[in-house]
Amino acid sequence: DTGEDTPEPAATGIYVSSTGNDATGNGSQSAPYATLAKAVGEAVDGATIYVMSDLTMTSCARFYNKSLTITSLGDATYTITRGDNFAQQQDNARSWYNPAMVEVQTTGGEGAGLTLTNIILDDAGKHEGAVFAQAVSDDGTGLDLTGNTNCVQDAIIASNATVPTTITLGDGAVLRNFGGMSAVRVTDQAQLVMAEGSIIEDTTVTDRTKGKAQGEVGPAGAIWIQGSSFTMNAGAVIRNIIGRAVYADGGTATVGGAINDIKPDSDMWQKTNGIAIHLRNQAIGTLDSTCSIDNQNTKVGGESIICSNACDLTVYDCIRWCCH
């Protein structure tokens, strides 16, 4: 059969729907896949994945060494929600661990990328695992990695890329209600860009918690960068976040756009409350002339910006900022 539903080897449009089927579908609009994990696995470099309905995810959509776009089909904006009993997965560095909803990774010196437009990813405040701490990676010394299954997920979207890789939250991309360590975590050579029209927010989460396990540090923040880079452009918004908006553990953060209503929560990593931007470990921060930080609704203990550990902060006419 050579009909139009037969997938071509270099198909650049992949479709996914809650009424689709991973086993019998071929990723065409008339025979879509059922899961985002299947769609990203089958998509070729440069492909666009069209989401045709609201989805509930129970396994990570992880891909390597290619750049993909994920968007809603047509004028609707569909929501992809983290479901219950989200599946663990493994890699060579971390053994078994609790993953993000979407992971963008690299091998063999090849880059990757992800662009989201007109789509909502909602963590629903859920997490697998019990300990709010970073999953460790094997450094060649024979680390015991069995504890990684106890750690909650890093993010809604995560990348540990070792070659230049960009995650772009484009116009209409919304990340909501992170339940693990962050909404987006980027490390090493991964970089995050929030473009005009993108939003990170809490809508159903009203409190962040952590347990009392040894080594537990608590959630990091909506954005969590480790030695990598984050750029927030004019017209991007981080709002109504419980605990902290940006946590830069090394690396660079260039912030335009608006950060509004960051509410305090003492369970956050390092227990700093209501923080819009937290720079540590020699992180370099720049607040450009389009940056607006409004924490007027923050409760007692909240600050607008905190800098620590010999960080470097430059401010260009940012509205309502302060540095502690």
Protein backbone atom coordinates (compact mmCIF):
# COMPACT_ATOMS: atom_id res chain seq x y z
CA ASP A 1 0.00 0.00 0.00
CA THR A 2 1.48 3.36 -1.04
CA GLY A 3 -1.39 5.57 0.08
CA GLU A 4 -0.97 8.94 1.69
CA ASP A 5 -0.95 7.47 5.20
CA THR A 6 2.23 5.50 4.55
CA PRO A 7 5.00 7.31 6.44
CA GLU A 8 7.89 8.57 4.38
CA PRO A 9 11.44 8.09 5.67
CA ALA A 10 12.01 11.83 6.00
CA ALA A 11 8.53 12.92 7.12
CA THR A 12 8.71 16.36 8.71
CA GLY A 13 5.17 16.41 10.10
CA ILE A 14 4.21 13.98 12.89
CA TYR A 15 0.77 13.93 14.51
CA VAL A 16 -0.24 12.76 17.97
CA SER A 17 -3.70 12.47 19.53
CA SER A 18 -5.34 10.89 22.55
CA THR A 19 -7.39 8.83 20.09
CA GLY A 20 -4.28 7.69 18.19
CA ASN A 21 -2.44 4.40 18.42
CA ASP A 22 1.30 3.87 18.85
CA ALA A 23 1.13 0.31 17.53
CA THR A 24 -1.01 0.76 14.43
CA GLY A 25 -0.67 4.47 13.73
CA ASN A 26 1.98 5.87 11.43
CA GLY A 27 2.12 9.45 12.68
CA SER A 28 0.04 10.88 9.85
CA GLN A 29 -2.89 13.20 10.54
CA SER A 30 -5.37 10.42 9.75
CA ALA A 31 -3.47 7.77 11.76
CA PRO A 32 -1.72 9.65 14.56
CA TYR A 33 0.38 8.26 17.36
CA ALA A 34 -1.09 8.19 20.86
CA THR A 35 1.89 9.44 22.88
CA LEU A 36 4.39 12.23 22.65
CA ALA A 37 7.12 9.73 23.53
CA LYS A 38 6.38 7.74 20.36
CA ALA A 39 6.13 10.91 18.26
CA VAL A 40 9.53 12.31 19.26
CA GLY A 41 11.09 8.90 18.78
CA GLU A 42 9.84 8.63 15.21
CA ALA A 43 10.35 12.26 14.18
CA VAL A 44 13.38 13.16 12.06
CA ASP A 45 15.64 16.16 12.62
CA GLY A 46 13.74 19.36 11.82
CA ALA A 47 10.29 17.80 12.17
CA THR A 48 7.24 19.45 13.68
CA ILE A 49 5.04 17.42 16.01
CA TYR A 50 1.41 18.49 15.84
CA VAL A 51 -0.66 17.81 18.97
CA MET A 52 -4.28 17.24 17.96
CA SER A 53 -5.93 16.99 21.41
CA ASP A 54 -5.27 17.31 25.11
CA LEU A 55 -2.91 14.54 26.26
CA THR A 56 -2.00 12.88 29.55
CA MET A 57 1.61 11.67 29.68
CA THR A 58 2.81 8.72 31.78
CA SER A 59 6.28 8.35 30.22
CA CYS A 60 9.03 10.75 29.20
CA ALA A 61 9.36 12.02 25.63
CA ARG A 62 13.16 11.81 25.42
CA PHE A 63 15.11 12.33 22.22
CA TYR A 64 18.74 12.72 21.16
CA ASN A 65 20.69 14.59 18.48
CA LYS A 66 17.85 16.25 16.62
CA SER A 67 15.89 19.48 16.73
CA LEU A 68 12.11 19.28 16.97
CA THR A 69 9.16 21.65 17.24
CA ILE A 70 6.07 20.75 19.26
CA THR A 71 2.88 22.75 18.68
CA SER A 72 -0.91 22.43 18.72
CA LEU A 73 -2.63 21.70 15.43
CA GLY A 74 -4.70 24.59 14.15
CA ASP A 75 -5.91 27.52 16.23
CA ALA A 76 -6.61 25.56 19.44
CA THR A 77 -4.10 25.41 22.30
CA TYR A 78 -3.92 21.92 23.72
CA THR A 79 -2.64 20.88 27.15
CA ILE A 80 -0.23 18.03 27.86
CA THR A 81 -0.53 16.99 31.52
CA ARG A 82 1.66 14.79 33.71
CA GLY A 83 -0.35 11.74 34.72
CA ASP A 84 -0.11 9.49 37.75
CA ASN A 85 2.53 6.74 38.04
CA PHE A 86 4.88 8.43 35.59
CA ALA A 87 7.36 5.80 34.40
CA GLN A 88 10.99 5.73 35.51
CA GLN A 89 13.65 5.45 32.83
CA GLN A 90 17.41 4.91 32.70
CA ASP A 91 20.56 6.16 31.04
CA ASN A 92 24.23 5.35 31.42
CA ALA A 93 24.93 8.29 33.72
CA ARG A 94 22.06 8.03 36.20
CA SER A 95 20.88 4.43 35.97
CA TRP A 96 17.14 4.43 36.82
CA TYR A 97 15.62 7.81 37.71
CA ASN A 98 12.39 9.83 37.58
CA PRO A 99 12.42 11.88 34.37
CA ALA A 100 11.05 15.16 33.09
CA MET A 101 8.04 15.16 30.77
CA VAL A 102 10.36 16.07 27.87
CA GLU A 103 14.15 15.56 27.78
CA VAL A 104 16.45 16.92 25.07
CA GLN A 105 19.79 15.09 25.12
CA THR A 106 22.95 14.66 23.05
CA THR A 107 25.45 11.93 22.22
CA GLY A 108 28.48 11.67 19.98
CA GLY A 109 29.12 15.39 19.69
CA GLU A 110 25.87 16.17 17.86
CA GLY A 111 23.62 18.99 19.02
CA ALA A 112 19.87 18.97 19.59
CA GLY A 113 17.06 21.43 20.09
CA LEU A 114 13.43 21.90 21.06
CA THR A 115 10.97 24.68 20.22
CA LEU A 116 7.52 24.86 21.80
CA THR A 117 4.77 27.11 20.39
CA ASN A 118 1.06 27.31 21.14
CA ILE A 119 1.12 24.41 23.62
CA ILE A 120 0.66 24.02 27.39
CA LEU A 121 2.69 21.56 29.48
CA ASP A 122 1.23 21.08 32.95
CA ASP A 123 3.09 19.12 35.65
CA ALA A 124 -0.10 19.32 37.75
CA GLY A 125 2.06 19.71 40.87
CA LYS A 126 2.85 15.98 40.72
CA HIS A 127 6.11 14.17 41.28
CA GLU A 128 7.40 10.65 41.39
CA GLY A 129 9.94 9.92 44.10
CA ALA A 130 9.99 11.51 47.52
CA VAL A 131 13.28 13.39 47.88
CA PHE A 132 13.72 16.90 46.49
CA ALA A 133 17.35 16.68 45.44
CA GLN A 134 19.30 16.35 42.23
CA ALA A 135 19.79 12.87 40.81
CA VAL A 136 23.53 12.11 40.74
CA SER A 137 25.52 10.95 37.72
CA ASP A 138 28.20 8.29 37.64
CA ASP A 139 31.60 10.01 37.52
CA GLY A 140 33.49 6.79 36.91
CA THR A 141 34.15 6.10 40.58
CA GLY A 142 31.42 3.51 40.91
CA LEU A 143 28.78 5.66 42.60
CA ASP A 144 25.77 3.88 44.02
CA LEU A 145 22.97 5.23 41.86
CA THR A 146 20.12 3.25 43.41
CA GLY A 147 19.07 6.36 45.33
CA ASN A 148 18.18 8.22 42.14
CA THR A 149 14.79 6.52 42.01
CA ASN A 150 13.99 8.29 45.29
CA CYS A 151 14.70 11.73 43.79
CA VAL A 152 11.85 13.67 42.20
CA GLN A 153 12.03 14.71 38.56
CA ASP A 154 14.36 17.58 37.59
CA ALA A 155 11.78 19.48 35.58
CA ILE A 156 8.93 19.57 33.10
CA ILE A 157 11.58 20.05 30.38
CA ALA A 158 15.23 19.15 30.96
CA SER A 159 18.49 19.00 29.03
CA ASN A 160 21.96 17.87 30.11
CA ALA A 161 23.41 18.50 26.65
CA THR A 162 27.19 18.30 26.32
CA VAL A 163 27.26 20.13 22.97
CA PRO A 164 25.41 23.39 22.15
CA THR A 165 21.66 22.77 22.38
CA THR A 166 18.83 25.29 22.63
CA ILE A 167 15.40 24.93 24.20
CA THR A 168 13.08 27.72 23.07
CA LEU A 169 9.76 28.51 24.68
CA GLY A 170 8.09 30.34 21.81
CA ASP A 171 4.89 32.32 21.40
CA GLY A 172 2.02 30.58 23.18
CA ALA A 173 4.22 28.09 25.03
CA VAL A 174 3.08 27.76 28.65
CA LEU A 175 4.64 25.66 31.43
CA ARG A 176 2.52 25.25 34.56
CA ASN A 177 2.63 23.91 38.08
CA PHE A 178 6.03 22.24 38.26
CA GLY A 179 5.89 19.41 40.76
CA GLY A 180 9.55 18.42 40.91
CA MET A 181 12.69 20.55 41.15
CA SER A 182 11.81 23.07 38.42
CA ALA A 183 9.80 23.83 35.30
CA VAL A 184 12.94 23.90 33.10
CA ARG A 185 16.43 22.67 33.98
CA VAL A 186 19.38 23.24 31.66
CA THR A 187 22.97 22.24 32.38
CA ASP A 188 26.37 22.30 30.68
CA GLN A 189 25.93 23.24 26.98
CA ALA A 190 22.14 23.46 27.03
CA GLN A 191 20.63 26.92 26.89
CA LEU A 192 17.09 28.14 27.47
CA VAL A 193 15.37 30.99 25.64
CA MET A 194 11.98 32.39 26.66
CA ALA A 195 10.69 34.26 23.63
CA GLU A 196 7.94 36.87 23.50
CA GLY A 197 4.57 35.33 24.32
CA SER A 198 5.89 32.49 26.49
CA ILE A 199 4.73 31.98 30.09
CA ILE A 200 5.78 29.98 33.15
CA GLU A 201 3.26 30.04 35.98
CA ASP A 202 1.54 28.31 38.87
CA THR A 203 -2.22 28.03 38.57
CA THR A 204 -3.15 25.14 40.89
CA VAL A 205 -0.04 24.85 43.07
CA THR A 206 -0.38 26.93 46.24
CA ASP A 207 2.41 25.41 48.35
CA ARG A 208 5.70 23.64 47.77
CA THR A 209 6.83 20.97 50.19
CA LYS A 210 9.78 18.73 50.90
CA GLY A 211 10.44 15.97 53.37
CA LYS A 212 13.15 15.54 55.99
CA ALA A 213 15.40 13.03 54.24
CA GLN A 214 19.15 13.51 54.53
CA GLY A 215 20.49 15.53 51.61
CA GLU A 216 17.10 16.89 50.66
CA VAL A 217 17.41 20.49 49.46
CA GLY A 218 13.92 21.37 48.25
CA PRO A 219 12.70 22.66 44.89
CA ALA A 220 15.06 24.92 42.92
CA GLY A 221 12.76 27.31 41.06
CA ALA A 222 10.77 27.76 37.86
CA ILE A 223 14.04 28.12 35.91
CA TRP A 224 17.07 26.13 37.08
CA ILE A 225 20.34 26.63 35.25
CA GLN A 226 23.61 24.96 36.18
CA GLY A 227 26.65 26.36 34.41
CA SER A 228 24.56 27.04 31.31
CA SER A 229 22.61 30.05 30.02
CA PHE A 230 19.12 31.50 30.19
CA THR A 231 17.77 34.37 28.10
CA MET A 232 14.35 35.86 28.80
CA ASN A 233 13.21 38.22 26.06
CA ALA A 234 10.82 41.15 26.22
CA GLY A 235 7.23 39.92 26.24
CA ALA A 236 8.01 36.70 28.13
CA VAL A 237 6.41 36.26 31.57
CA ILE A 238 7.14 34.28 34.74
CA ARG A 239 4.26 34.84 37.14
CA ASN A 240 2.50 33.67 40.28
CA ILE A 241 5.31 31.25 41.13
CA ILE A 242 5.51 29.77 44.60
CA GLY A 243 9.05 30.08 45.93
CA ARG A 244 11.49 31.29 43.25
CA ALA A 245 11.43 32.29 39.59
CA VAL A 246 15.07 31.94 38.43
CA TYR A 247 17.78 29.91 40.18
CA ALA A 248 21.16 30.32 38.48
CA ASP A 249 23.67 27.92 39.98
CA GLY A 250 26.56 29.22 37.92
CA GLY A 251 26.19 30.17 34.28
CA THR A 252 24.53 33.30 32.88
CA ALA A 253 21.03 34.71 33.11
CA THR A 254 19.96 37.62 30.89
CA VAL A 255 16.51 38.73 31.92
CA GLY A 256 14.02 40.92 30.08
CA GLY A 257 10.27 40.49 30.15
CA ALA A 258 8.19 40.43 33.32
CA ILE A 259 8.58 38.51 36.59
CA ASN A 260 5.47 39.03 38.71
CA ASP A 261 4.09 37.86 42.05
CA ILE A 262 6.73 35.45 43.30
CA LYS A 263 5.41 34.19 46.60
CA PRO A 264 7.54 32.94 49.51
CA ASP A 265 7.92 29.30 50.47
CA SER A 266 10.48 28.25 53.07
CA ASP A 267 10.77 24.73 51.60
CA MET A 268 12.74 26.06 48.63
CA TRP A 269 16.42 25.19 48.18
CA GLN A 270 18.44 27.38 50.61
CA LYS A 271 15.16 28.58 52.13
CA THR A 272 15.22 31.99 50.46
CA ASN A 273 11.70 33.33 50.16
CA GLY A 274 9.83 34.96 47.30
CA ILE A 275 12.89 35.32 45.07
CA ALA A 276 12.64 36.56 41.50
CA ILE A 277 16.30 35.93 40.62
CA HIS A 278 18.81 34.00 42.72
CA LEU A 279 22.41 34.02 41.51
CA ARG A 280 25.03 31.81 43.13
CA ASN A 281 28.34 30.07 42.39
CA GLN A 282 29.72 32.94 40.30
CA ALA A 283 26.61 33.19 38.13
CA ILE A 284 26.46 36.26 35.90
CA GLY A 285 23.14 38.10 35.73
CA THR A 286 22.00 40.92 33.47
CA LEU A 287 18.66 42.64 33.83
CA ASP A 288 18.05 44.55 30.61
CA SER A 289 15.92 47.63 30.00
CA THR A 290 12.83 45.53 29.19
CA CYS A 291 12.93 43.75 32.55
CA SER A 292 10.10 44.35 35.00
CA ILE A 293 10.02 42.74 38.44
CA ASP A 294 6.87 43.28 40.47
CA ASN A 295 6.66 41.51 43.81
CA GLN A 296 4.06 43.72 45.41
CA ASN A 297 1.99 40.74 46.55
CA THR A 298 4.91 38.86 48.10
CA LYS A 299 4.44 38.10 51.79
CA VAL A 300 6.88 38.85 54.61
CA GLY A 301 10.34 37.50 53.88
CA GLY A 302 10.17 38.03 50.13
CA GLU A 303 12.80 39.95 48.17
CA SER A 304 12.96 40.90 44.52
CA ILE A 305 16.51 39.72 43.73
CA ILE A 306 19.16 37.97 45.75
CA CYS A 307 22.81 37.67 44.75
CA SER A 308 25.23 35.42 46.57
CA ASN A 309 28.63 33.74 46.34
CA ALA A 310 30.42 36.55 44.47
CA CYS A 311 27.95 36.70 41.62
CA ASP A 312 28.08 39.46 39.01
CA LEU A 313 24.89 41.45 38.41
CA THR A 314 24.38 44.23 35.86
CA VAL A 315 21.14 46.20 35.78
CA TYR A 316 19.92 48.41 32.92
CA ASP A 317 16.94 50.47 34.12
CA CYS A 318 15.07 47.41 35.35
CA ILE A 319 11.80 48.39 37.03
CA ARG A 320 11.44 47.79 40.79
CA TRP A 321 14.55 45.80 41.52
CA CYS A 322 16.65 45.34 44.60
CA CYS A 323 19.69 43.21 45.37
CA HIS A 324 20.54 41.60 48.71
